[in-house]
Protein backbone atom coordinates (compact mmCIF):
# COMPACT_ATOMS: atom_id res chain seq x y z
CA UNK A 1 70.34 29.04 -23.00
CA UNK A 2 73.38 30.69 -21.01
CA UNK A 3 71.53 33.75 -21.11
CA UNK A 4 68.59 32.57 -19.35
CA UNK A 5 71.13 30.26 -17.00
CA UNK A 6 72.92 33.55 -16.02
CA UNK A 7 70.06 34.70 -13.88
CA UNK A 8 69.36 31.66 -12.16
CA UNK A 9 72.94 30.60 -11.31
CA UNK A 10 73.87 34.25 -9.91
CA UNK A 11 70.64 34.50 -8.00
CA UNK A 12 71.50 31.17 -6.29
CA UNK A 13 74.99 32.29 -5.41
CA UNK A 14 73.73 35.69 -4.24
CA UNK A 15 71.04 33.92 -2.08
CA UNK A 16 74.11 31.88 -0.30
CA UNK A 17 76.43 34.73 -0.20
CA UNK A 18 74.80 38.02 0.42
CA UNK A 19 71.81 39.32 2.23
CA UNK A 20 68.01 38.62 0.89
CA UNK A 21 67.94 42.34 0.04
CA UNK A 22 70.83 42.27 -2.35
CA UNK A 23 69.12 39.21 -3.87
CA UNK A 24 66.01 41.44 -4.37
CA UNK A 25 68.15 44.35 -5.78
CA UNK A 26 69.88 41.79 -8.17
CA UNK A 27 66.64 40.33 -9.42
CA UNK A 28 65.13 43.75 -9.73
CA UNK A 29 68.04 45.28 -11.48
CA UNK A 30 68.55 42.05 -13.94
CA UNK A 31 64.91 42.02 -15.13
CA UNK A 32 65.00 45.74 -15.67
CA UNK A 33 68.30 45.58 -17.65
CA UNK A 34 66.70 42.96 -19.75
CA UNK A 35 63.78 44.93 -20.50
CA UNK A 36 65.67 48.13 -21.17
CA UNK A 37 67.72 45.93 -23.25
CA UNK A 38 64.83 46.05 -26.00
CA UNK A 39 65.56 49.75 -26.44
CA UNK A 40 69.21 49.02 -27.31
CA UNK A 41 68.57 46.29 -29.76
CA UNK A 42 65.60 48.27 -31.35
CA UNK A 43 65.23 45.46 -34.53
CA UNK A 44 68.68 46.70 -35.88
CA UNK A 45 69.68 42.87 -36.38
CA UNK A 46 66.83 41.98 -38.11
CA UNK A 47 67.38 44.54 -40.56
CA UNK A 48 70.87 44.14 -40.88
CA UNK A 49 70.90 40.30 -41.52
CA UNK A 50 68.32 40.91 -44.34
CA UNK A 51 70.52 43.63 -46.07
CA UNK A 52 71.83 41.25 -48.52
CA UNK A 53 72.84 44.08 -51.14
CA UNK A 54 74.81 45.94 -48.11
CA UNK A 55 72.86 49.24 -48.78
CA UNK A 56 74.08 50.23 -45.39
CA UNK A 57 78.02 49.78 -44.08
CA UNK A 58 78.63 47.95 -41.05
CA UNK A 59 79.71 51.50 -39.44
CA UNK A 60 76.42 52.63 -40.07
CA UNK A 61 74.77 49.71 -38.10
CA UNK A 62 77.56 50.09 -35.42
CA UNK A 63 76.80 53.85 -35.21
CA UNK A 64 72.72 53.41 -35.09
CA UNK A 65 73.30 50.47 -32.29
CA UNK A 66 75.68 53.03 -30.14
CA UNK A 67 72.79 55.40 -30.24
CA UNK A 68 70.32 53.20 -29.15
CA UNK A 69 72.81 51.52 -26.71
CA UNK A 70 72.88 55.24 -25.44
CA UNK A 71 69.19 55.61 -25.49
CA UNK A 72 69.21 52.48 -23.06
CA UNK A 73 71.33 53.95 -20.55
CA UNK A 74 69.60 57.33 -20.76
CA UNK A 75 66.50 55.42 -20.19
CA UNK A 76 67.99 53.66 -17.20
CA UNK A 77 69.01 56.87 -15.62
CA UNK A 78 65.34 58.44 -16.11
CA UNK A 79 63.76 55.17 -14.75
CA UNK A 80 66.10 55.30 -11.60
CA UNK A 81 64.98 59.17 -11.23
CA UNK A 82 61.32 58.61 -11.50
CA UNK A 83 61.59 55.51 -9.12
CA UNK A 84 63.57 57.01 -6.44
CA UNK A 85 63.60 60.70 -7.14
CA UNK A 86 66.07 62.13 -4.55
CA UNK A 87 65.57 59.52 -1.87
CA UNK A 88 67.55 56.91 -3.70
CA UNK A 89 70.00 54.56 -1.92
CA UNK A 90 73.45 54.61 -3.84
CA UNK A 91 74.20 51.06 -4.00
CA UNK A 92 70.49 50.25 -5.41
CA UNK A 93 70.84 52.70 -8.10
CA UNK A 94 74.35 52.20 -9.00
CA UNK A 95 73.67 48.29 -9.32
CA UNK A 96 70.33 48.95 -11.52
CA UNK A 97 73.01 51.53 -13.66
CA UNK A 98 75.63 48.80 -13.84
CA UNK A 99 73.50 45.80 -14.59
CA UNK A 100 71.92 48.02 -17.68
CA UNK A 101 75.73 48.66 -18.86
CA UNK A 102 76.38 45.08 -18.61
CA UNK A 103 73.34 43.97 -20.48
CA UNK A 104 73.88 46.33 -22.82
CA UNK A 105 77.19 44.88 -23.86
CA UNK A 106 74.77 42.06 -25.43
CA UNK A 107 73.64 44.85 -27.90
CA UNK A 108 76.94 46.13 -29.04
CA UNK A 109 78.19 42.36 -29.58
CA UNK A 110 74.97 42.02 -31.66
CA UNK A 111 75.84 44.33 -34.57
CA UNK A 112 79.22 42.08 -34.95
CA UNK A 113 77.09 38.85 -34.89
CA UNK A 114 74.52 39.95 -37.08
CA UNK A 115 77.34 40.89 -39.68
CA UNK A 116 78.68 37.27 -39.55
CA UNK A 117 75.26 36.14 -39.81
CA UNK A 118 74.61 38.28 -43.10
CA UNK A 119 77.82 36.28 -44.07
CA UNK A 120 76.27 32.84 -43.36
CA UNK A 121 78.77 32.65 -40.34
CA UNK A 122 76.27 32.90 -37.40
CA UNK A 123 78.27 30.16 -35.56
CA UNK A 124 81.03 32.72 -35.11
CA UNK A 125 78.69 34.94 -33.41
CA UNK A 126 76.91 32.09 -31.14
CA UNK A 127 80.41 30.64 -30.09
CA UNK A 128 81.70 34.18 -28.89
CA UNK A 129 78.32 35.21 -27.17
CA UNK A 130 78.25 31.59 -25.36
CA UNK A 131 81.88 32.36 -24.30
CA UNK A 132 81.36 35.63 -22.87
CA UNK A 133 78.29 34.39 -20.89
CA UNK A 134 80.35 31.60 -19.35
CA UNK A 135 83.22 34.08 -18.33
CA UNK A 136 80.66 36.64 -17.12
CA UNK A 137 78.74 33.82 -15.20
CA UNK A 138 82.13 32.49 -13.51
CA UNK A 139 83.59 35.84 -12.60
CA UNK A 140 80.40 37.34 -11.35
CA UNK A 141 80.07 34.07 -9.27
CA UNK A 142 83.75 34.26 -7.92
CA UNK A 143 83.51 38.05 -7.21
CA UNK A 144 80.41 37.49 -5.11
CA UNK A 145 81.99 34.46 -3.17
CA UNK A 146 85.13 36.37 -2.52
CA UNK A 147 83.63 39.93 -1.73
CA UNK A 148 80.28 38.97 -0.54
CA UNK A 149 79.22 42.20 -1.81
CA UNK A 150 76.86 42.64 -4.89
CA UNK A 151 78.08 46.26 -5.83
CA UNK A 152 81.58 45.29 -6.01
CA UNK A 153 80.98 42.16 -7.88
CA UNK A 154 78.71 43.91 -10.09
CA UNK A 155 81.50 46.68 -10.72
CA UNK A 156 84.07 44.01 -11.48
CA UNK A 157 81.91 41.91 -13.64
CA UNK A 158 81.24 45.11 -15.80
CA UNK A 159 85.01 45.38 -16.23
CA UNK A 160 85.54 41.51 -17.05
CA UNK A 161 82.48 41.96 -19.56
CA UNK A 162 84.22 44.64 -21.60
CA UNK A 163 87.53 43.21 -21.45
CA UNK A 164 86.20 40.02 -22.57
CA UNK A 165 84.00 41.77 -25.50
CA UNK A 166 86.97 43.48 -26.64
CA UNK A 167 89.11 40.42 -26.76
CA UNK A 168 86.59 38.43 -28.57
CA UNK A 169 85.57 41.00 -31.11
CA UNK A 170 89.15 42.31 -31.74
CA UNK A 171 89.53 39.64 -34.45
CA UNK A 172 85.75 40.11 -35.68
CA UNK A 173 85.91 43.57 -36.27
CA UNK A 174 85.18 43.98 -40.24
CA UNK A 175 86.52 47.51 -40.73
């Protein structure tokens, strides 16, 4: 619910604090990042939660997720290159890549939540993910209101998202 809520709330705030151009850039970036997230997820969780005999270790699932996350980011760069070529606008391209990095955090967290789902503790992942979405929405909104600049707000939100993910997952790391 908070994932879907995220784009609506942020777009409302962007429309009131930034330009229409930046609102368009946000919508375009967010939707492309959401699509590219499919590459990062790559069905790992479905296999991970059905691995009841623990044929593969958590580290193997995590390593695979790092690879698919990297493929997502590479795909974002390829998309930007073929979409804009050498005539790109730095702020637009930066926001697209940054949004992919932010959305990609969902895929990194997903490996940890899959591990706990396999242990029949899906509640742990749901609470952490919900909390990170709330924190991300809150800080992105605050940064947009304070700076009235989509690029600055996106950079700062990426930093907050990484810190929040690290803090939430610190106690969940199974190795």
